[in-house]
Amino acid sequence: MSMENALPISHRQRLWLYALGGLVMLFLIAPSVIIVIMSFSGSTLLQFPPQEWSLRWYESYFGSVEWRDATIVSVKVAMMTAVVATLLGTAAAYAINARTLRLTGAINALLTASLIIPVILIGIGTFFLYARIGLNNTLTGLVIAHTVQALPLVVLTVLSGLRSYDMNQEMVARSLGANRFAAFFQVTVPQIRFSIVSGALFAFITSFDEVVVSLFISGGETTTLTRRMFNALRDQIDPTIAAISTCLIVLSIVLLSAAQLFGRGR
């Protein structure tokens, strides 16, 4: 049968595909929805559906010094990780795209290796390395470890922006007298800024949500929010966890929505 005589597929024939897609989305979204609902429970146990509604666990979270200090540590580490990973990732993506370095493929594979290696192995290796150089339980150690995990996301995001950008524009600016740095910041960066901002947001979220590596290398005054959440779940089932998880879900949605709005404005 020729393409001209082929009948278009109707929406009724696609009903099974729509149903399958809906079930997959429900499977992915349902756990988060359940957590959000349980966070408004007035019970001392995690219950679904709640027997009574209350904001007591949000009050417990925002009124606790331990939770507040852990949140501050996570925010600090995430912000510093976003800055460092964005600077290094943007520079690496630019070099890979421009092919100014030898062994570009090997360098790209090395930068993205943390996406392939199991996180538990990264955590164990980082712990033993930090034990030798004294970086366990420090903000510096956390930032370095989180940057290693966030760097591949920044590289891939910025690299995708550079691949759709015409580098001849930068070459024209350099031919008119601008040096490489001036041409990059004045011509290239404004046109790939959406990719750079997206990479920074991905780095922030990756650092803020990271738990496995933090279990090995954070503690004491540098305990992150996710590590404290894990300890709370291990020692007792505290409904405050549901309230904190809801705040993290809202934060992720806000950051991703901000990235999309930034892209539309661009």
C-alpha atoms as a PDB file:
ATOM      1  CA  MET A   1       0.000   0.000   0.000  1.00  0.00           C
ATOM      2  CA  SER A   2       1.409   3.390  -0.960  1.00  0.00           C
ATOM      3  CA  MET A   3       1.832   6.192   1.542  1.00  0.00           C
ATOM      4  CA  GLU A   4      -0.867   8.245  -0.222  1.00  0.00           C
ATOM      5  CA  ASN A   5      -3.479   5.510   0.315  1.00  0.00           C
ATOM      6  CA  ALA A   6      -2.585   4.874   3.960  1.00  0.00           C
ATOM      7  CA  LEU A   7      -5.299   5.978   6.371  1.00  0.00           C
ATOM      8  CA  PRO A   8      -4.311   8.214   9.307  1.00  0.00           C
ATOM      9  CA  ILE A   9      -4.429   6.648  12.755  1.00  0.00           C
ATOM     10  CA  SER A  10      -7.399   7.957  14.727  1.00  0.00           C
ATOM     11  CA  HIS A  11      -7.398   8.907  18.398  1.00  0.00           C
ATOM     12  CA  ARG A  12      -9.650   5.918  19.120  1.00  0.00           C
ATOM     13  CA  GLN A  13      -6.985   3.588  17.777  1.00  0.00           C
ATOM     14  CA  ARG A  14      -4.460   5.289  20.048  1.00  0.00           C
ATOM     15  CA  LEU A  15      -6.552   4.836  23.184  1.00  0.00           C
ATOM     16  CA  TRP A  16      -4.367   1.967  24.393  1.00  0.00           C
ATOM     17  CA  LEU A  17      -1.285   4.175  24.035  1.00  0.00           C
ATOM     18  CA  TYR A  18      -2.951   7.024  25.935  1.00  0.00           C
ATOM     19  CA  ALA A  19      -4.017   4.611  28.672  1.00  0.00           C
ATOM     20  CA  LEU A  20      -0.516   3.166  28.961  1.00  0.00           C
ATOM     21  CA  GLY A  21       1.017   6.632  29.125  1.00  0.00           C
ATOM     22  CA  GLY A  22      -1.482   7.645  31.815  1.00  0.00           C
ATOM     23  CA  LEU A  23      -0.675   4.579  33.903  1.00  0.00           C
ATOM     24  CA  VAL A  24       3.059   5.282  33.662  1.00  0.00           C
ATOM     25  CA  MET A  25       2.531   8.907  34.734  1.00  0.00           C
ATOM     26  CA  LEU A  26       0.294   7.784  37.594  1.00  0.00           C
ATOM     27  CA  PHE A  27       2.944   5.298  38.723  1.00  0.00           C
ATOM     28  CA  LEU A  28       5.570   8.063  38.774  1.00  0.00           C
ATOM     29  CA  ILE A  29       3.461  10.813  40.330  1.00  0.00           C
ATOM     30  CA  ALA A  30       1.396   8.813  42.865  1.00  0.00           C
ATOM     31  CA  PRO A  31       4.185   8.415  45.502  1.00  0.00           C
ATOM     32  CA  SER A  32       4.822  12.159  45.564  1.00  0.00           C
ATOM     33  CA  VAL A  33       1.110  12.924  45.838  1.00  0.00           C
ATOM     34  CA  ILE A  34       0.755  10.469  48.745  1.00  0.00           C
ATOM     35  CA  ILE A  35       3.708  12.075  50.556  1.00  0.00           C
ATOM     36  CA  VAL A  36       2.202  15.555  50.128  1.00  0.00           C
ATOM     37  CA  ILE A  37      -1.151  14.426  51.520  1.00  0.00           C
ATOM     38  CA  MET A  38       0.460  12.643  54.492  1.00  0.00           C
ATOM     39  CA  SER A  39       2.442  15.777  55.362  1.00  0.00           C
ATOM     40  CA  PHE A  40      -0.820  17.453  56.434  1.00  0.00           C
ATOM     41  CA  SER A  41      -1.731  14.674  58.854  1.00  0.00           C
ATOM     42  CA  GLY A  42      -2.190  15.437  62.533  1.00  0.00           C
ATOM     43  CA  SER A  43      -1.225  11.908  63.598  1.00  0.00           C
ATOM     44  CA  THR A  44       2.121  11.019  65.143  1.00  0.00           C
ATOM     45  CA  LEU A  45       2.390   8.239  62.564  1.00  0.00           C
ATOM     46  CA  LEU A  46       2.531   8.322  58.792  1.00  0.00           C
ATOM     47  CA  GLN A  47      -1.047   7.663  57.736  1.00  0.00           C
ATOM     48  CA  PHE A  48      -2.771   7.660  54.381  1.00  0.00           C
ATOM     49  CA  PRO A  49      -5.375   8.960  54.167  1.00  0.00           C
ATOM     50  CA  PRO A  50      -4.931  11.172  57.267  1.00  0.00           C
ATOM     51  CA  GLN A  51      -7.443  10.800  60.092  1.00  0.00           C
ATOM     52  CA  GLU A  52      -7.164  14.502  60.862  1.00  0.00           C
ATOM     53  CA  TRP A  53      -5.603  17.472  59.101  1.00  0.00           C
ATOM     54  CA  SER A  54      -2.929  19.656  60.646  1.00  0.00           C
ATOM     55  CA  LEU A  55       0.164  21.760  59.939  1.00  0.00           C
ATOM     56  CA  ARG A  56       1.966  20.492  63.032  1.00  0.00           C
ATOM     57  CA  TRP A  57       4.744  18.781  61.078  1.00  0.00           C
ATOM     58  CA  TYR A  58       5.533  21.909  59.085  1.00  0.00           C
ATOM     59  CA  GLU A  59       5.695  23.790  62.376  1.00  0.00           C
ATOM     60  CA  SER A  60       7.963  21.065  63.720  1.00  0.00           C
ATOM     61  CA  TYR A  61      10.275  21.408  60.731  1.00  0.00           C
ATOM     62  CA  PHE A  62      10.534  25.201  60.660  1.00  0.00           C
ATOM     63  CA  GLY A  63      10.745  25.406  64.459  1.00  0.00           C
ATOM     64  CA  SER A  64      13.533  22.840  64.872  1.00  0.00           C
ATOM     65  CA  VAL A  65      17.097  24.132  65.207  1.00  0.00           C
ATOM     66  CA  GLU A  66      18.553  20.834  63.989  1.00  0.00           C
ATOM     67  CA  TRP A  67      16.429  20.756  60.838  1.00  0.00           C
ATOM     68  CA  ARG A  68      17.109  24.439  60.197  1.00  0.00           C
ATOM     69  CA  ASP A  69      20.888  24.030  60.509  1.00  0.00           C
ATOM     70  CA  ALA A  70      20.832  21.014  58.198  1.00  0.00           C
ATOM     71  CA  THR A  71      18.782  22.962  55.645  1.00  0.00           C
ATOM     72  CA  ILE A  72      21.227  25.877  55.769  1.00  0.00           C
ATOM     73  CA  VAL A  73      24.149  23.499  55.174  1.00  0.00           C
ATOM     74  CA  SER A  74      22.389  21.926  52.181  1.00  0.00           C
ATOM     75  CA  VAL A  75      21.541  25.315  50.684  1.00  0.00           C
ATOM     76  CA  LYS A  76      25.119  26.555  51.103  1.00  0.00           C
ATOM     77  CA  VAL A  77      26.605  23.434  49.556  1.00  0.00           C
ATOM     78  CA  ALA A  78      24.072  23.428  46.703  1.00  0.00           C
ATOM     79  CA  MET A  79      24.718  27.081  45.847  1.00  0.00           C
ATOM     80  CA  MET A  80      28.488  26.671  45.878  1.00  0.00           C
ATOM     81  CA  THR A  81      28.201  23.454  43.886  1.00  0.00           C
ATOM     82  CA  ALA A  82      26.018  25.181  41.297  1.00  0.00           C
ATOM     83  CA  VAL A  83      28.578  27.989  40.882  1.00  0.00           C
ATOM     84  CA  VAL A  84      31.633  25.720  40.660  1.00  0.00           C
ATOM     85  CA  ALA A  85      29.984  23.080  38.473  1.00  0.00           C
ATOM     86  CA  THR A  86      28.558  25.706  36.114  1.00  0.00           C
ATOM     87  CA  LEU A  87      31.912  27.439  35.637  1.00  0.00           C
ATOM     88  CA  LEU A  88      33.840  24.198  35.123  1.00  0.00           C
ATOM     89  CA  GLY A  89      31.098  22.535  33.078  1.00  0.00           C
ATOM     90  CA  THR A  90      30.655  25.501  30.746  1.00  0.00           C
ATOM     91  CA  ALA A  91      34.401  25.733  30.149  1.00  0.00           C
ATOM     92  CA  ALA A  92      34.633  21.981  29.531  1.00  0.00           C
ATOM     93  CA  ALA A  93      31.647  21.980  27.167  1.00  0.00           C
ATOM     94  CA  TYR A  94      33.125  24.882  25.222  1.00  0.00           C
ATOM     95  CA  ALA A  95      36.475  23.113  24.869  1.00  0.00           C
ATOM     96  CA  ILE A  96      34.808  19.857  23.805  1.00  0.00           C
ATOM     97  CA  ASN A  97      32.624  21.617  21.262  1.00  0.00           C
ATOM     98  CA  ALA A  98      35.502  23.665  19.856  1.00  0.00           C
ATOM     99  CA  ARG A  99      37.746  20.564  19.767  1.00  0.00           C
ATOM    100  CA  THR A 100      40.695  22.629  20.927  1.00  0.00           C
ATOM    101  CA  LEU A 101      42.012  19.802  23.120  1.00  0.00           C
ATOM    102  CA  ARG A 102      43.478  16.458  22.209  1.00  0.00           C
ATOM    103  CA  LEU A 103      41.633  13.300  23.211  1.00  0.00           C
ATOM    104  CA  THR A 104      38.323  15.173  23.313  1.00  0.00           C
ATOM    105  CA  GLY A 105      36.357  11.928  23.381  1.00  0.00           C
ATOM    106  CA  ALA A 106      38.323  10.580  26.332  1.00  0.00           C
ATOM    107  CA  ILE A 107      37.892  13.834  28.235  1.00  0.00           C
ATOM    108  CA  ASN A 108      34.149  13.829  27.579  1.00  0.00           C
ATOM    109  CA  ALA A 109      33.904  10.221  28.786  1.00  0.00           C
ATOM    110  CA  LEU A 110      35.883  11.068  31.931  1.00  0.00           C
ATOM    111  CA  LEU A 111      33.651  14.046  32.740  1.00  0.00           C
ATOM    112  CA  THR A 112      30.482  11.997  32.387  1.00  0.00           C
ATOM    113  CA  ALA A 113      31.831   8.876  34.148  1.00  0.00           C
ATOM    114  CA  SER A 114      29.986   9.663  37.385  1.00  0.00           C
ATOM    115  CA  LEU A 115      26.687   9.074  35.568  1.00  0.00           C
ATOM    116  CA  ILE A 116      27.715   5.472  34.928  1.00  0.00           C
ATOM    117  CA  ILE A 117      29.548   4.543  38.125  1.00  0.00           C
ATOM    118  CA  PRO A 118      27.202   3.465  40.968  1.00  0.00           C
ATOM    119  CA  VAL A 119      26.823   6.238  43.524  1.00  0.00           C
ATOM    120  CA  ILE A 120      27.648   3.888  46.402  1.00  0.00           C
ATOM    121  CA  LEU A 121      31.085   3.271  44.890  1.00  0.00           C
ATOM    122  CA  ILE A 122      31.651   7.015  44.527  1.00  0.00           C
ATOM    123  CA  GLY A 123      30.672   7.472  48.163  1.00  0.00           C
ATOM    124  CA  ILE A 124      33.032   4.759  49.426  1.00  0.00           C
ATOM    125  CA  GLY A 125      35.948   5.980  47.310  1.00  0.00           C
ATOM    126  CA  THR A 126      35.362   9.597  48.329  1.00  0.00           C
ATOM    127  CA  PHE A 127      35.236   8.661  52.012  1.00  0.00           C
ATOM    128  CA  PHE A 128      38.593   6.840  51.970  1.00  0.00           C
ATOM    129  CA  LEU A 129      40.212   9.612  49.923  1.00  0.00           C
ATOM    130  CA  TYR A 130      38.898  12.321  52.225  1.00  0.00           C
ATOM    131  CA  ALA A 131      40.033  10.336  55.268  1.00  0.00           C
ATOM    132  CA  ARG A 132      43.616  10.649  54.006  1.00  0.00           C
ATOM    133  CA  ILE A 133      43.477  14.373  53.215  1.00  0.00           C
ATOM    134  CA  GLY A 134      41.157  15.474  56.031  1.00  0.00           C
ATOM    135  CA  LEU A 135      38.118  16.608  54.074  1.00  0.00           C
ATOM    136  CA  ASN A 136      35.478  14.456  55.744  1.00  0.00           C
ATOM    137  CA  ASN A 137      32.789  16.469  57.565  1.00  0.00           C
ATOM    138  CA  THR A 138      33.752  19.716  55.798  1.00  0.00           C
ATOM    139  CA  LEU A 139      31.857  22.036  53.478  1.00  0.00           C
ATOM    140  CA  THR A 140      34.774  22.001  51.054  1.00  0.00           C
ATOM    141  CA  GLY A 141      34.650  18.222  50.808  1.00  0.00           C
ATOM    142  CA  LEU A 142      30.901  18.254  50.229  1.00  0.00           C
ATOM    143  CA  VAL A 143      31.174  20.865  47.488  1.00  0.00           C
ATOM    144  CA  ILE A 144      33.925  18.942  45.694  1.00  0.00           C
ATOM    145  CA  ALA A 145      32.034  15.629  45.898  1.00  0.00           C
ATOM    146  CA  HIS A 146      28.748  17.160  44.759  1.00  0.00           C
ATOM    147  CA  THR A 147      30.489  19.023  41.953  1.00  0.00           C
ATOM    148  CA  VAL A 148      31.821  15.720  40.623  1.00  0.00           C
ATOM    149  CA  GLN A 149      28.252  14.425  40.473  1.00  0.00           C
ATOM    150  CA  ALA A 150      26.712  17.609  39.047  1.00  0.00           C
ATOM    151  CA  LEU A 151      29.431  18.356  36.488  1.00  0.00           C
ATOM    152  CA  PRO A 152      28.229  15.827  33.857  1.00  0.00           C
ATOM    153  CA  LEU A 153      24.739  17.365  33.831  1.00  0.00           C
ATOM    154  CA  VAL A 154      26.167  20.836  33.273  1.00  0.00           C
ATOM    155  CA  VAL A 155      28.499  19.617  30.527  1.00  0.00           C
ATOM    156  CA  LEU A 156      25.730  17.807  28.664  1.00  0.00           C
ATOM    157  CA  THR A 157      23.266  20.687  29.013  1.00  0.00           C
ATOM    158  CA  VAL A 158      25.678  23.409  27.898  1.00  0.00           C
ATOM    159  CA  LEU A 159      27.087  21.184  25.159  1.00  0.00           C
ATOM    160  CA  SER A 160      23.607  20.744  23.695  1.00  0.00           C
ATOM    161  CA  GLY A 161      23.248  24.525  23.586  1.00  0.00           C
ATOM    162  CA  LEU A 162      26.615  24.938  21.896  1.00  0.00           C
ATOM    163  CA  ARG A 163      25.769  22.295  19.306  1.00  0.00           C
ATOM    164  CA  SER A 164      22.806  24.395  18.144  1.00  0.00           C
ATOM    165  CA  TYR A 165      24.850  27.611  18.162  1.00  0.00           C
ATOM    166  CA  ASP A 166      26.764  28.889  15.144  1.00  0.00           C
ATOM    167  CA  MET A 167      30.360  29.341  16.290  1.00  0.00           C
ATOM    168  CA  ASN A 168      31.032  31.480  13.225  1.00  0.00           C
ATOM    169  CA  GLN A 169      29.429  34.376  15.095  1.00  0.00           C
ATOM    170  CA  GLU A 170      32.130  34.222  17.718  1.00  0.00           C
ATOM    171  CA  MET A 171      34.784  33.912  15.020  1.00  0.00           C
ATOM    172  CA  VAL A 172      33.435  37.086  13.400  1.00  0.00           C
ATOM    173  CA  ALA A 173      33.699  38.940  16.707  1.00  0.00           C
ATOM    174  CA  ARG A 174      37.299  37.776  17.109  1.00  0.00           C
ATOM    175  CA  SER A 175      38.121  38.806  13.556  1.00  0.00           C
ATOM    176  CA  LEU A 176      36.865  42.311  14.401  1.00  0.00           C
ATOM    177  CA  GLY A 177      39.343  42.652  17.264  1.00  0.00           C
ATOM    178  CA  ALA A 178      37.710  41.003  20.275  1.00  0.00           C
ATOM    179  CA  ASN A 179      39.840  38.514  22.180  1.00  0.00           C
ATOM    180  CA  ARG A 180      38.590  35.000  22.886  1.00  0.00           C
ATOM    181  CA  PHE A 181      37.208  35.828  26.339  1.00  0.00           C
ATOM    182  CA  ALA A 182      35.427  38.979  25.219  1.00  0.00           C
ATOM    183  CA  ALA A 183      33.923  37.217  22.206  1.00  0.00           C
ATOM    184  CA  PHE A 184      32.767  34.332  24.376  1.00  0.00           C
ATOM    185  CA  PHE A 185      31.114  36.456  27.066  1.00  0.00           C
ATOM    186  CA  GLN A 186      29.646  39.083  24.748  1.00  0.00           C
ATOM    187  CA  VAL A 187      28.532  36.930  21.828  1.00  0.00           C
ATOM    188  CA  THR A 188      28.338  33.256  22.818  1.00  0.00           C
ATOM    189  CA  VAL A 189      27.110  33.404  26.413  1.00  0.00           C
ATOM    190  CA  PRO A 190      24.011  35.549  25.687  1.00  0.00           C
ATOM    191  CA  GLN A 191      22.879  33.015  23.076  1.00  0.00           C
ATOM    192  CA  ILE A 192      23.440  29.894  25.188  1.00  0.00           C
ATOM    193  CA  ARG A 193      22.443  31.430  28.517  1.00  0.00           C
ATOM    194  CA  PHE A 194      19.347  29.245  28.752  1.00  0.00           C
ATOM    195  CA  SER A 195      21.533  26.130  28.639  1.00  0.00           C
ATOM    196  CA  ILE A 196      23.901  27.603  31.219  1.00  0.00           C
ATOM    197  CA  VAL A 197      21.066  28.546  33.597  1.00  0.00           C
ATOM    198  CA  SER A 198      19.462  25.117  33.128  1.00  0.00           C
ATOM    199  CA  GLY A 199      22.777  23.430  33.908  1.00  0.00           C
ATOM    200  CA  ALA A 200      23.163  25.541  37.052  1.00  0.00           C
ATOM    201  CA  LEU A 201      19.662  24.587  38.221  1.00  0.00           C
ATOM    202  CA  PHE A 202      20.350  20.911  37.559  1.00  0.00           C
ATOM    203  CA  ALA A 203      23.574  21.200  39.570  1.00  0.00           C
ATOM    204  CA  PHE A 204      21.737  22.878  42.456  1.00  0.00           C
ATOM    205  CA  ILE A 205      19.003  20.232  42.540  1.00  0.00           C
ATOM    206  CA  THR A 206      21.523  17.395  42.233  1.00  0.00           C
ATOM    207  CA  SER A 207      23.501  18.697  45.192  1.00  0.00           C
ATOM    208  CA  PHE A 208      20.475  19.538  47.330  1.00  0.00           C
ATOM    209  CA  ASP A 209      18.869  16.099  46.812  1.00  0.00           C
ATOM    210  CA  GLU A 210      22.085  14.033  47.100  1.00  0.00           C
ATOM    211  CA  VAL A 211      22.059  11.580  49.995  1.00  0.00           C
ATOM    212  CA  VAL A 212      24.343   8.569  49.356  1.00  0.00           C
ATOM    213  CA  VAL A 213      27.685  10.380  49.208  1.00  0.00           C
ATOM    214  CA  SER A 214      26.603  12.711  52.016  1.00  0.00           C
ATOM    215  CA  LEU A 215      26.040   9.698  54.272  1.00  0.00           C
ATOM    216  CA  PHE A 216      29.750   8.909  53.994  1.00  0.00           C
ATOM    217  CA  ILE A 217      31.409  12.317  54.137  1.00  0.00           C
ATOM    218  CA  SER A 218      29.082  14.637  56.080  1.00  0.00           C
ATOM    219  CA  GLY A 219      28.397  14.773  59.792  1.00  0.00           C
ATOM    220  CA  GLY A 220      28.395  17.008  62.840  1.00  0.00           C
ATOM    221  CA  GLU A 221      28.000  20.661  61.918  1.00  0.00           C
ATOM    222  CA  THR A 222      28.113  19.821  58.205  1.00  0.00           C
ATOM    223  CA  THR A 223      25.229  17.330  58.285  1.00  0.00           C
ATOM    224  CA  THR A 224      23.097  17.883  55.212  1.00  0.00           C
ATOM    225  CA  LEU A 225      19.320  17.870  55.183  1.00  0.00           C
ATOM    226  CA  THR A 226      19.091  14.604  53.251  1.00  0.00           C
ATOM    227  CA  ARG A 227      21.463  12.839  55.660  1.00  0.00           C
ATOM    228  CA  ARG A 228      19.435  14.005  58.644  1.00  0.00           C
ATOM    229  CA  MET A 229      16.275  12.820  56.900  1.00  0.00           C
ATOM    230  CA  PHE A 230      17.827   9.394  56.366  1.00  0.00           C
ATOM    231  CA  ASN A 231      18.873   9.192  60.017  1.00  0.00           C
ATOM    232  CA  ALA A 232      15.375  10.197  61.126  1.00  0.00           C
ATOM    233  CA  LEU A 233      13.831   7.430  59.022  1.00  0.00           C
ATOM    234  CA  ARG A 234      16.332   4.899  60.339  1.00  0.00           C
ATOM    235  CA  ASP A 235      15.871   5.728  64.015  1.00  0.00           C
ATOM    236  CA  GLN A 236      12.122   6.400  63.998  1.00  0.00           C
ATOM    237  CA  ILE A 237       9.300   7.126  61.584  1.00  0.00           C
ATOM    238  CA  ASP A 238       8.922  10.866  62.011  1.00  0.00           C
ATOM    239  CA  PRO A 239       6.067  12.483  60.018  1.00  0.00           C
ATOM    240  CA  THR A 240       8.240  15.598  59.792  1.00  0.00           C
ATOM    241  CA  ILE A 241       9.959  13.778  56.929  1.00  0.00           C
ATOM    242  CA  ALA A 242       6.762  14.047  54.876  1.00  0.00           C
ATOM    243  CA  ALA A 243       6.640  17.818  55.412  1.00  0.00           C
ATOM    244  CA  ILE A 244      10.293  18.203  54.426  1.00  0.00           C
ATOM    245  CA  SER A 245       9.798  16.005  51.366  1.00  0.00           C
ATOM    246  CA  THR A 246       6.865  18.172  50.302  1.00  0.00           C
ATOM    247  CA  CYS A 247       9.041  21.291  50.606  1.00  0.00           C
ATOM    248  CA  LEU A 248      11.714  19.616  48.457  1.00  0.00           C
ATOM    249  CA  ILE A 249       9.118  18.678  45.831  1.00  0.00           C
ATOM    250  CA  VAL A 250       7.846  22.257  45.725  1.00  0.00           C
ATOM    251  CA  LEU A 251      11.397  23.586  45.473  1.00  0.00           C
ATOM    252  CA  SER A 252      12.180  21.301  42.523  1.00  0.00           C
ATOM    253  CA  ILE A 253       8.966  22.312  40.738  1.00  0.00           C
ATOM    254  CA  VAL A 254       9.664  26.012  41.301  1.00  0.00           C
ATOM    255  CA  LEU A 255      13.239  25.784  40.011  1.00  0.00           C
ATOM    256  CA  LEU A 256      12.281  23.798  36.914  1.00  0.00           C
ATOM    257  CA  SER A 257       9.360  26.144  36.220  1.00  0.00           C
ATOM    258  CA  ALA A 258      11.694  29.121  36.561  1.00  0.00           C
ATOM    259  CA  ALA A 259      14.020  27.554  34.002  1.00  0.00           C
ATOM    260  CA  GLN A 260      11.133  27.077  31.582  1.00  0.00           C
ATOM    261  CA  LEU A 261       9.930  30.661  32.066  1.00  0.00           C
ATOM    262  CA  PHE A 262      13.469  31.899  31.495  1.00  0.00           C
ATOM    263  CA  GLY A 263      13.618  29.912  28.277  1.00  0.00           C
ATOM    264  CA  ARG A 264      10.310  31.342  27.064  1.00  0.00           C
ATOM    265  CA  GLY A 265      11.467  34.851  27.842  1.00  0.00           C
ATOM    266  CA  ARG A 266      14.573  34.174  25.809  1.00  0.00           C
END
